[in-house]
C-alpha atoms as a PDB file:
ATOM      1  CA  MET A   1       0.192   0.150   0.162  1.00  0.00           C
ATOM      2  CA  LEU A   2       1.457   3.141  -1.517  1.00  0.00           C
ATOM      3  CA  PHE A   3       1.217   6.316   1.021  1.00  0.00           C
ATOM      4  CA  LEU A   4       2.239  10.332   0.726  1.00  0.00           C
ATOM      5  CA  VAL A   5       4.377  10.880   3.827  1.00  0.00           C
ATOM      6  CA  ARG A   6       3.881  14.035   5.455  1.00  0.00           C
ATOM      7  CA  LEU A   7       3.839  13.357   9.423  1.00  0.00           C
ATOM      8  CA  GLY A   8       0.773  14.444  10.996  1.00  0.00           C
ATOM      9  CA  THR A   9      -1.277  13.172   8.035  1.00  0.00           C
ATOM     10  CA  ARG A  10      -3.274  10.312   8.670  1.00  0.00           C
ATOM     11  CA  SER A  11      -1.921   7.081   8.108  1.00  0.00           C
ATOM     12  CA  PRO A  12      -2.868   3.088   8.992  1.00  0.00           C
ATOM     13  CA  ASN A  13       0.543   2.191   8.848  1.00  0.00           C
ATOM     14  CA  GLU A  14       1.575   1.277  13.003  1.00  0.00           C
ATOM     15  CA  PHE A  15       5.210   2.992  11.996  1.00  0.00           C
ATOM     16  CA  ILE A  16       3.713   6.577  10.340  1.00  0.00           C
ATOM     17  CA  GLN A  17       1.358   6.457  13.338  1.00  0.00           C
ATOM     18  CA  TYR A  18       4.472   6.032  15.576  1.00  0.00           C
ATOM     19  CA  LEU A  19       6.202   9.020  13.782  1.00  0.00           C
ATOM     20  CA  ASN A  20       2.985  11.315  13.674  1.00  0.00           C
ATOM     21  CA  ASN A  21       2.568  11.113  17.331  1.00  0.00           C
ATOM     22  CA  LYS A  22       6.252  12.082  18.119  1.00  0.00           C
ATOM     23  CA  ASN A  23       5.888  14.966  15.064  1.00  0.00           C
ATOM     24  CA  GLU A  24       2.817  16.604  17.546  1.00  0.00           C
ATOM     25  CA  ASN A  25       5.183  16.567  20.428  1.00  0.00           C
ATOM     26  CA  ILE A  26       7.009  18.746  17.452  1.00  0.00           C
ATOM     27  CA  GLN A  27       5.411  21.025  16.732  1.00  0.00           C
ATOM     28  CA  GLN A  28       3.989  21.487  20.230  1.00  0.00           C
ATOM     29  CA  SER A  29       7.321  22.267  21.329  1.00  0.00           C
ATOM     30  CA  PHE A  30       7.977  24.009  18.300  1.00  0.00           C
ATOM     31  CA  LEU A  31       5.242  26.479  19.015  1.00  0.00           C
ATOM     32  CA  ALA A  32       6.085  27.214  22.544  1.00  0.00           C
ATOM     33  CA  LYS A  33       9.301  28.284  21.489  1.00  0.00           C
ATOM     34  CA  ILE A  34       7.673  30.717  18.982  1.00  0.00           C
ATOM     35  CA  MET A  35       5.203  31.750  21.305  1.00  0.00           C
ATOM     36  CA  ASP A  36       7.824  32.877  23.315  1.00  0.00           C
ATOM     37  CA  LEU A  37      10.271  34.905  20.817  1.00  0.00           C
ATOM     38  CA  THR A  38       7.292  36.675  19.533  1.00  0.00           C
ATOM     39  CA  LYS A  39       5.969  38.381  23.023  1.00  0.00           C
ATOM     40  CA  SER A  40       5.087  41.665  21.637  1.00  0.00           C
ATOM     41  CA  ILE A  41       6.363  44.672  23.533  1.00  0.00           C
ATOM     42  CA  SER A  42       4.884  47.842  23.442  1.00  0.00           C
ATOM     43  CA  VAL A  43       6.412  50.872  21.482  1.00  0.00           C
ATOM     44  CA  LYS A  44       5.875  54.394  21.510  1.00  0.00           C
ATOM     45  CA  VAL A  45       5.170  55.804  17.826  1.00  0.00           C
ATOM     46  CA  MET A  46       3.698  58.909  15.085  1.00  0.00           C
ATOM     47  CA  LEU A  47       0.830  58.101  13.120  1.00  0.00           C
ATOM     48  CA  GLY A  48       0.611  59.758   9.790  1.00  0.00           C
ATOM     49  CA  ASP A  49      -1.105  63.246  11.709  1.00  0.00           C
ATOM     50  CA  ALA A  50       1.444  63.340  14.553  1.00  0.00           C
ATOM     51  CA  THR A  51      -0.783  61.457  17.028  1.00  0.00           C
ATOM     52  CA  ILE A  52       1.759  59.977  19.562  1.00  0.00           C
ATOM     53  CA  THR A  53       0.231  55.756  19.725  1.00  0.00           C
ATOM     54  CA  GLU A  54       1.441  53.164  21.671  1.00  0.00           C
ATOM     55  CA  GLN A  55       1.968  50.033  18.904  1.00  0.00           C
ATOM     56  CA  LYS A  56       2.861  45.937  19.882  1.00  0.00           C
ATOM     57  CA  THR A  57       5.289  44.554  18.241  1.00  0.00           C
ATOM     58  CA  PHE A  58       7.883  41.283  18.601  1.00  0.00           C
ATOM     59  CA  ASP A  59      11.801  41.299  17.393  1.00  0.00           C
ATOM     60  CA  PRO A  60      12.267  38.659  14.676  1.00  0.00           C
ATOM     61  CA  VAL A  61      15.748  38.715  14.704  1.00  0.00           C
ATOM     62  CA  LEU A  62      14.685  36.478  17.624  1.00  0.00           C
ATOM     63  CA  VAL A  63      13.629  33.753  15.467  1.00  0.00           C
ATOM     64  CA  ASN A  64      16.723  34.316  13.419  1.00  0.00           C
ATOM     65  CA  ASP A  65      19.010  33.490  15.976  1.00  0.00           C
ATOM     66  CA  PHE A  66      16.393  30.631  17.088  1.00  0.00           C
ATOM     67  CA  TYR A  67      16.411  29.117  13.570  1.00  0.00           C
ATOM     68  CA  GLN A  68      20.537  29.500  13.352  1.00  0.00           C
ATOM     69  CA  THR A  69      20.918  27.805  16.649  1.00  0.00           C
ATOM     70  CA  ILE A  70      18.216  24.794  15.302  1.00  0.00           C
ATOM     71  CA  ILE A  71      20.312  24.461  11.987  1.00  0.00           C
ATOM     72  CA  LYS A  72      23.706  25.156  13.470  1.00  0.00           C
ATOM     73  CA  ASN A  73      23.359  21.831  16.063  1.00  0.00           C
ATOM     74  CA  LEU A  74      21.657  19.711  12.990  1.00  0.00           C
ATOM     75  CA  LYS A  75      24.999  17.612  12.452  1.00  0.00           C
ATOM     76  CA  ASP A  76      24.953  15.556   9.357  1.00  0.00           C
ATOM     77  CA  TRP A  77      22.215  17.852   7.598  1.00  0.00           C
ATOM     78  CA  SER A  78      21.962  19.340   4.563  1.00  0.00           C
ATOM     79  CA  VAL A  79      20.814  22.717   5.817  1.00  0.00           C
ATOM     80  CA  GLN A  80      19.019  26.097   3.902  1.00  0.00           C
ATOM     81  CA  GLU A  81      20.546  29.425   5.325  1.00  0.00           C
ATOM     82  CA  VAL A  82      17.631  31.550   7.084  1.00  0.00           C
ATOM     83  CA  SER A  83      16.016  33.220   4.346  1.00  0.00           C
ATOM     84  CA  ILE A  84      12.930  35.856   4.765  1.00  0.00           C
ATOM     85  CA  SER A  85      10.778  36.661   2.143  1.00  0.00           C
ATOM     86  CA  ASN A  86       9.271  40.222   1.526  1.00  0.00           C
ATOM     87  CA  ASN A  87       5.908  40.615   0.219  1.00  0.00           C
ATOM     88  CA  GLU A  88       4.417  43.975   0.475  1.00  0.00           C
ATOM     89  CA  ASP A  89       3.083  43.856   4.262  1.00  0.00           C
ATOM     90  CA  ILE A  90       3.843  40.107   4.072  1.00  0.00           C
ATOM     91  CA  ARG A  91       6.878  38.777   5.257  1.00  0.00           C
ATOM     92  CA  ARG A  92       8.547  34.877   6.360  1.00  0.00           C
ATOM     93  CA  ILE A  93      11.141  33.683   7.805  1.00  0.00           C
ATOM     94  CA  PHE A  94      12.060  30.328   7.594  1.00  0.00           C
ATOM     95  CA  THR A  95      14.549  27.355   6.335  1.00  0.00           C
ATOM     96  CA  LYS A  96      15.053  23.879   5.435  1.00  0.00           C
ATOM     97  CA  PHE A  97      16.730  20.760   6.170  1.00  0.00           C
ATOM     98  CA  GLU A  98      17.176  17.620   4.549  1.00  0.00           C
ATOM     99  CA  ILE A  99      18.745  14.100   5.525  1.00  0.00           C
ATOM    100  CA  ARG A 100      19.369  10.832   4.514  1.00  0.00           C
ATOM    101  CA  GLU A 101      18.471   7.163   5.835  1.00  0.00           C
ATOM    102  CA  GLY A 102      19.215   4.543   3.304  1.00  0.00           C
ATOM    103  CA  ASN A 103      16.557   5.091   0.129  1.00  0.00           C
ATOM    104  CA  TYR A 104      14.270   7.748   1.693  1.00  0.00           C
ATOM    105  CA  LEU A 105      15.172  11.661   2.272  1.00  0.00           C
ATOM    106  CA  ILE A 106      13.965  13.366   6.042  1.00  0.00           C
ATOM    107  CA  SER A 107      13.674  16.934   4.812  1.00  0.00           C
ATOM    108  CA  GLY A 108      11.963  19.633   7.346  1.00  0.00           C
ATOM    109  CA  HIS A 109      10.415  23.343   6.706  1.00  0.00           C
ATOM    110  CA  MET A 110      10.382  25.881   9.730  1.00  0.00           C
ATOM    111  CA  SER A 111       8.328  29.267   9.352  1.00  0.00           C
ATOM    112  CA  LEU A 112       6.953  32.392  10.671  1.00  0.00           C
ATOM    113  CA  GLN A 113       5.071  34.239   8.921  1.00  0.00           C
ATOM    114  CA  TYR A 114       3.882  37.763   9.940  1.00  0.00           C
ATOM    115  CA  HIS A 115       2.674  41.030   8.884  1.00  0.00           C
ATOM    116  CA  VAL A 116       4.789  44.636   9.103  1.00  0.00           C
ATOM    117  CA  LEU A 117       2.878  47.930   9.927  1.00  0.00           C
ATOM    118  CA  LEU A 118       4.916  51.373   9.535  1.00  0.00           C
ATOM    119  CA  TYR A 119       4.689  54.276  11.807  1.00  0.00           C
ATOM    120  CA  TYR A 120       6.962  57.076  12.208  1.00  0.00           C
ATOM    121  CA  LYS A 121       9.129  57.863  14.802  1.00  0.00           C
ATOM    122  CA  PRO A 122       7.777  60.209  17.765  1.00  0.00           C
ATOM    123  CA  ASP A 123      10.047  62.639  16.344  1.00  0.00           C
ATOM    124  CA  GLN A 124       9.455  66.473  16.374  1.00  0.00           C
ATOM    125  CA  ARG A 125      11.526  66.540  12.878  1.00  0.00           C
ATOM    126  CA  VAL A 126       8.564  64.577  11.471  1.00  0.00           C
ATOM    127  CA  ILE A 127       6.167  67.056  11.994  1.00  0.00           C
ATOM    128  CA  GLN A 128       8.881  69.875  10.364  1.00  0.00           C
ATOM    129  CA  LEU A 129       9.540  67.443   7.257  1.00  0.00           C
ATOM    130  CA  GLN A 130       5.861  67.282   6.588  1.00  0.00           C
ATOM    131  CA  ARG A 131       5.353  70.509   7.234  1.00  0.00           C
ATOM    132  CA  GLU A 132       8.061  71.244   4.709  1.00  0.00           C
ATOM    133  CA  LEU A 133       6.619  68.746   1.761  1.00  0.00           C
ATOM    134  CA  SER A 134       3.216  69.944   2.012  1.00  0.00           C
ATOM    135  CA  GLU A 135       4.546  73.929   1.336  1.00  0.00           C
ATOM    136  CA  ILE A 136       6.785  72.751  -1.981  1.00  0.00           C
ATOM    137  CA  ILE A 137       4.097  70.423  -3.182  1.00  0.00           C
ATOM    138  CA  ASP A 138       1.172  73.662  -2.617  1.00  0.00           C
ATOM    139  CA  LEU A 139       3.415  76.159  -3.982  1.00  0.00           C
ATOM    140  CA  THR A 140       4.571  73.910  -7.540  1.00  0.00           C
ATOM    141  CA  LYS A 141       0.876  73.121  -7.557  1.00  0.00           C
ATOM    142  CA  ASN A 142      -0.119  76.367  -7.591  1.00  0.00           C
ATOM    143  CA  LYS A 143       2.843  78.174 -10.191  1.00  0.00           C
ATOM    144  CA  GLU A 144       2.660  74.637 -12.814  1.00  0.00           C
ATOM    145  CA  GLN A 145      -1.633  76.018 -12.363  1.00  0.00           C
ATOM    146  CA  GLN A 146      -0.454  79.666 -12.806  1.00  0.00           C
ATOM    147  CA  MET A 147       2.301  78.888 -15.796  1.00  0.00           C
ATOM    148  CA  SER A 148      -1.097  76.649 -17.466  1.00  0.00           C
ATOM    149  CA  ASP A 149      -3.302  79.512 -17.232  1.00  0.00           C
ATOM    150  CA  ASN A 150      -1.365  81.883 -19.139  1.00  0.00           C
ATOM    151  CA  SER A 151       0.857  79.069 -21.200  1.00  0.00           C
ATOM    152  CA  ASP A 152      -0.087  80.811 -24.077  1.00  0.00           C
ATOM    153  CA  GLN A 153       0.358  84.723 -23.293  1.00  0.00           C
ATOM    154  CA  PHE A 154       4.069  83.527 -21.708  1.00  0.00           C
ATOM    155  CA  VAL A 155       5.206  81.738 -24.644  1.00  0.00           C
ATOM    156  CA  LEU A 156       3.527  84.267 -27.488  1.00  0.00           C
ATOM    157  CA  SER A 157       5.228  86.802 -25.584  1.00  0.00           C
ATOM    158  CA  LYS A 158       8.456  85.028 -25.178  1.00  0.00           C
ATOM    159  CA  LEU A 159       8.494  84.417 -28.377  1.00  0.00           C
ATOM    160  CA  LYS A 160       8.098  87.770 -29.581  1.00  0.00           C
ATOM    161  CA  ASP A 161      11.037  89.386 -27.442  1.00  0.00           C
ATOM    162  CA  LYS A 162      12.952  86.840 -29.036  1.00  0.00           C
ATOM    163  CA  GLY A 163      11.972  89.144 -32.790  1.00  0.00           C
ATOM    164  CA  TYR A 164       9.533  86.548 -34.195  1.00  0.00           C
ATOM    165  CA  LYS A 165       6.881  88.976 -34.583  1.00  0.00           C
ATOM    166  CA  ASP A 166       5.545  89.062 -38.460  1.00  0.00           C
ATOM    167  CA  PHE A 167       4.294  85.273 -38.038  1.00  0.00           C
ATOM    168  CA  ASP A 168       0.224  83.947 -37.090  1.00  0.00           C
ATOM    169  CA  HIS A 169       0.087  82.125 -33.822  1.00  0.00           C
ATOM    170  CA  GLN A 170       0.225  78.479 -35.203  1.00  0.00           C
ATOM    171  CA  LYS A 171       3.295  79.307 -36.982  1.00  0.00           C
ATOM    172  CA  LEU A 172       4.857  80.245 -33.682  1.00  0.00           C
ATOM    173  CA  PHE A 173       4.132  77.400 -32.021  1.00  0.00           C
ATOM    174  CA  GLU A 174       5.791  75.315 -34.841  1.00  0.00           C
ATOM    175  CA  ILE A 175       9.074  77.088 -34.404  1.00  0.00           C
ATOM    176  CA  PHE A 176       8.606  76.694 -30.867  1.00  0.00           C
ATOM    177  CA  TYR A 177       7.553  72.844 -30.667  1.00  0.00           C
ATOM    178  CA  GLU A 178      10.533  71.850 -33.121  1.00  0.00           C
ATOM    179  CA  ASN A 179      13.036  73.266 -31.148  1.00  0.00           C
ATOM    180  CA  ASP A 180      13.593  71.282 -28.183  1.00  0.00           C
ATOM    181  CA  GLU A 181      16.308  73.840 -26.665  1.00  0.00           C
ATOM    182  CA  PHE A 182      14.988  76.631 -27.886  1.00  0.00           C
ATOM    183  CA  ARG A 183      11.554  75.921 -26.078  1.00  0.00           C
ATOM    184  CA  GLU A 184      13.714  74.596 -23.242  1.00  0.00           C
ATOM    185  CA  LYS A 185      15.540  78.318 -22.623  1.00  0.00           C
ATOM    186  CA  ILE A 186      12.235  79.692 -23.090  1.00  0.00           C
ATOM    187  CA  TYR A 187      10.586  77.699 -20.148  1.00  0.00           C
ATOM    188  CA  LYS A 188      13.596  78.622 -18.053  1.00  0.00           C
ATOM    189  CA  GLU A 189      12.850  82.343 -18.587  1.00  0.00           C
ATOM    190  CA  ILE A 190       9.000  81.785 -18.001  1.00  0.00           C
ATOM    191  CA  GLU A 191      10.404  80.142 -14.767  1.00  0.00           C
ATOM    192  CA  LYS A 192      12.692  83.563 -14.187  1.00  0.00           C
ATOM    193  CA  ASP A 193       9.440  85.472 -14.533  1.00  0.00           C
ATOM    194  CA  ILE A 194       7.318  83.776 -11.708  1.00  0.00           C
ATOM    195  CA  GLU A 195       9.808  83.060  -9.915  1.00  0.00           C
ATOM    196  CA  VAL A 196      10.158  79.746  -9.705  1.00  0.00           C
ATOM    197  CA  ASP A 197      12.805  77.394 -10.123  1.00  0.00           C
ATOM    198  CA  PHE A 198      10.849  73.266 -10.649  1.00  0.00           C
ATOM    199  CA  GLN A 199      14.198  71.229 -10.336  1.00  0.00           C
ATOM    200  CA  ASP A 200      15.193  72.763  -7.225  1.00  0.00           C
ATOM    201  CA  LEU A 201      12.157  72.368  -6.048  1.00  0.00           C
ATOM    202  CA  SER A 202      11.820  68.540  -7.265  1.00  0.00           C
ATOM    203  CA  ASN A 203      15.007  68.320  -5.471  1.00  0.00           C
ATOM    204  CA  LYS A 204      13.590  69.479  -2.786  1.00  0.00           C
ATOM    205  CA  LYS A 205      10.992  67.658  -2.416  1.00  0.00           C
ATOM    206  CA  THR A 206      13.194  64.519  -3.208  1.00  0.00           C
ATOM    207  CA  ASN A 207      15.141  64.827  -0.609  1.00  0.00           C
ATOM    208  CA  LEU A 208      12.743  65.327   2.152  1.00  0.00           C
ATOM    209  CA  ILE A 209      11.122  62.253   1.339  1.00  0.00           C
ATOM    210  CA  LYS A 210      14.250  60.459   1.544  1.00  0.00           C
ATOM    211  CA  GLU A 211      14.538  61.982   4.864  1.00  0.00           C
ATOM    212  CA  LEU A 212      10.810  61.379   5.265  1.00  0.00           C
ATOM    213  CA  ASP A 213      11.850  57.959   4.583  1.00  0.00           C
ATOM    214  CA  ASN A 214      14.512  58.023   7.059  1.00  0.00           C
ATOM    215  CA  MET A 215      12.067  58.139   9.760  1.00  0.00           C
ATOM    216  CA  LEU A 216       9.857  55.451   9.590  1.00  0.00           C
ATOM    217  CA  VAL A 217      10.082  52.585  11.509  1.00  0.00           C
ATOM    218  CA  GLU A 218       8.579  48.762  11.057  1.00  0.00           C
ATOM    219  CA  THR A 219       6.732  46.512  13.593  1.00  0.00           C
ATOM    220  CA  TYR A 220       5.941  43.464  13.798  1.00  0.00           C
ATOM    221  CA  GLN A 221       2.841  40.926  14.576  1.00  0.00           C
ATOM    222  CA  THR A 222       1.455  37.541  14.081  1.00  0.00           C
ATOM    223  CA  SER A 223      -0.618  34.623  15.276  1.00  0.00           C
ATOM    224  CA  PRO A 224       0.556  32.196  17.652  1.00  0.00           C
ATOM    225  CA  VAL A 225      -0.718  29.222  15.610  1.00  0.00           C
ATOM    226  CA  LEU A 226       0.247  26.662  13.678  1.00  0.00           C
ATOM    227  CA  ILE A 227      -0.741  26.753   9.964  1.00  0.00           C
ATOM    228  CA  ASP A 228      -0.238  24.534   6.835  1.00  0.00           C
ATOM    229  CA  ASP A 229       1.553  25.117   3.218  1.00  0.00           C
ATOM    230  CA  THR A 230      -1.911  26.255   2.028  1.00  0.00           C
ATOM    231  CA  ARG A 231      -2.458  28.925   4.780  1.00  0.00           C
ATOM    232  CA  LEU A 232       1.014  30.280   4.590  1.00  0.00           C
ATOM    233  CA  ILE A 233       0.767  30.760   0.594  1.00  0.00           C
ATOM    234  CA  THR A 234      -2.289  33.051   0.949  1.00  0.00           C
ATOM    235  CA  GLY A 235      -0.913  34.600   3.618  1.00  0.00           C
ATOM    236  CA  GLU A 236      -1.657  34.311   7.303  1.00  0.00           C
ATOM    237  CA  GLU A 237       0.074  34.695  10.328  1.00  0.00           C
ATOM    238  CA  GLY A 238       1.206  31.995  11.373  1.00  0.00           C
ATOM    239  CA  CYS A 239       3.851  29.214  12.168  1.00  0.00           C
ATOM    240  CA  LEU A 240       4.745  26.122  10.122  1.00  0.00           C
ATOM    241  CA  CYS A 241       7.058  23.454  11.595  1.00  0.00           C
ATOM    242  CA  THR A 242       6.974  20.196   8.478  1.00  0.00           C
ATOM    243  CA  PHE A 243       8.051  17.108   8.106  1.00  0.00           C
ATOM    244  CA  ASP A 244       8.175  14.721   4.908  1.00  0.00           C
ATOM    245  CA  ILE A 245       9.721  11.500   3.776  1.00  0.00           C
ATOM    246  CA  GLU A 246      10.182  10.863   0.608  1.00  0.00           C
ATOM    247  CA  PHE A 247      11.625   7.407  -1.178  1.00  0.00           C
ATOM    248  CA  ILE A 248      14.230   7.492  -3.390  1.00  0.00           C
ATOM    249  CA  ARG A 249      14.849   5.604  -6.717  1.00  0.00           C
ATOM    250  CA  ASN A 250      17.291   6.300  -9.023  1.00  0.00           C
ATOM    251  CA  LYS A 251      18.327   9.419  -7.497  1.00  0.00           C
ATOM    252  CA  THR A 252      14.437  10.662  -8.479  1.00  0.00           C
ATOM    253  CA  LYS A 253      12.819  11.441  -4.630  1.00  0.00           C
ATOM    254  CA  GLU A 254       9.327   9.391  -4.825  1.00  0.00           C
ATOM    255  CA  GLY A 255       6.547  11.269  -2.398  1.00  0.00           C
ATOM    256  CA  LEU A 256       4.518   7.688  -2.429  1.00  0.00           C
ATOM    257  CA  PHE A 257       5.905   4.516  -0.995  1.00  0.00           C
ATOM    258  CA  ASP A 258       5.025   1.636   1.146  1.00  0.00           C
ATOM    259  CA  PRO A 259       6.394   2.178   5.070  1.00  0.00           C
ATOM    260  CA  ARG A 260       6.066  -1.317   5.340  1.00  0.00           C
ATOM    261  CA  LYS A 261       9.498  -1.534   3.287  1.00  0.00           C
ATOM    262  CA  ILE A 262      10.897   0.235   5.683  1.00  0.00           C
ATOM    263  CA  SER A 263      13.938  -1.573   6.873  1.00  0.00           C
ATOM    264  CA  GLU A 264      14.228  -2.022  10.669  1.00  0.00           C
ATOM    265  CA  SER A 265      18.233   0.191  10.857  1.00  0.00           C
ATOM    266  CA  VAL A 266      16.218   3.150   8.350  1.00  0.00           C
ATOM    267  CA  LYS A 267      13.452   3.286  11.060  1.00  0.00           C
ATOM    268  CA  GLU A 268      15.378   3.212  13.809  1.00  0.00           C
ATOM    269  CA  ASN A 269      17.797   5.867  12.310  1.00  0.00           C
ATOM    270  CA  ILE A 270      14.226   8.185  11.225  1.00  0.00           C
ATOM    271  CA  ILE A 271      13.208   7.887  14.736  1.00  0.00           C
ATOM    272  CA  LYS A 272      16.492   9.374  16.547  1.00  0.00           C
ATOM    273  CA  ARG A 273      16.827  11.940  13.839  1.00  0.00           C
ATOM    274  CA  LEU A 274      13.054  12.804  14.939  1.00  0.00           C
ATOM    275  CA  ASP A 275      14.413  12.853  18.612  1.00  0.00           C
ATOM    276  CA  ASP A 276      17.873  14.695  18.123  1.00  0.00           C
ATOM    277  CA  PHE A 277      15.627  17.505  16.289  1.00  0.00           C
ATOM    278  CA  SER A 278      13.348  17.440  19.193  1.00  0.00           C
ATOM    279  CA  LYS A 279      15.864  17.725  21.904  1.00  0.00           C
ATOM    280  CA  LEU A 280      16.860  21.092  20.190  1.00  0.00           C
ATOM    281  CA  LEU A 281      13.921  22.450  20.687  1.00  0.00           C
ATOM    282  CA  ILE A 282      13.625  22.363  23.994  1.00  0.00           C
ATOM    283  CA  SER A 283      17.741  23.203  25.085  1.00  0.00           C
END
């Protein structure tokens, strides 16, 4: 009888049932560890309207360190370095590891998925930056509107000042739009007339936005629950700790195999690998 062996999946096979019990203990120990590592603390943050408030957060570095300790002590296992995926406001910190026993491959996966919320540092400088940025945006908008409302008159006046007086309006604008360098020069003179340097304003706005971005702080939240692969993929908060056993045939992994054909020595080694991992979680 062939089975797809993800530990925790129901099976009539006595050995797989035994492994499932060990896997349940591993998952509960893992969950307890994650719950401890993601305990929330309160931090003061500033909202976009300058309101100071408190927000709950935890430190993902603690989870990273925990993973690092685990994989460092997985002797003889092939391990994947701890990674952090970043998909908008959802992050996942995870690692994978595997080891071969006879013709069977044991693979494990630890993961924590959490949300990231952005706030400002509770700093008066944030309010100053917002005010300066708002003033530049308003000034730019007003001056652009002024140029737009009077664009024809501005351009015609400048063209005539350059000596283009005997052409009709259509001809004047053909000259204007066919000569890029000339057009830029006219625009510069118009900007000077209305006493604004749009390039300078743009540079100031960019610098203010960059400084304001540097005033952002991240807070993190997750749920202390075990989730499965499906819930992980759909972006739910929570943690995951899974083990799979696959059969290796001609260097190809097969998820479906008959557990009754596993030799006693390999069974003992698989049990020992899970026991060793379980000890790492509670050490």
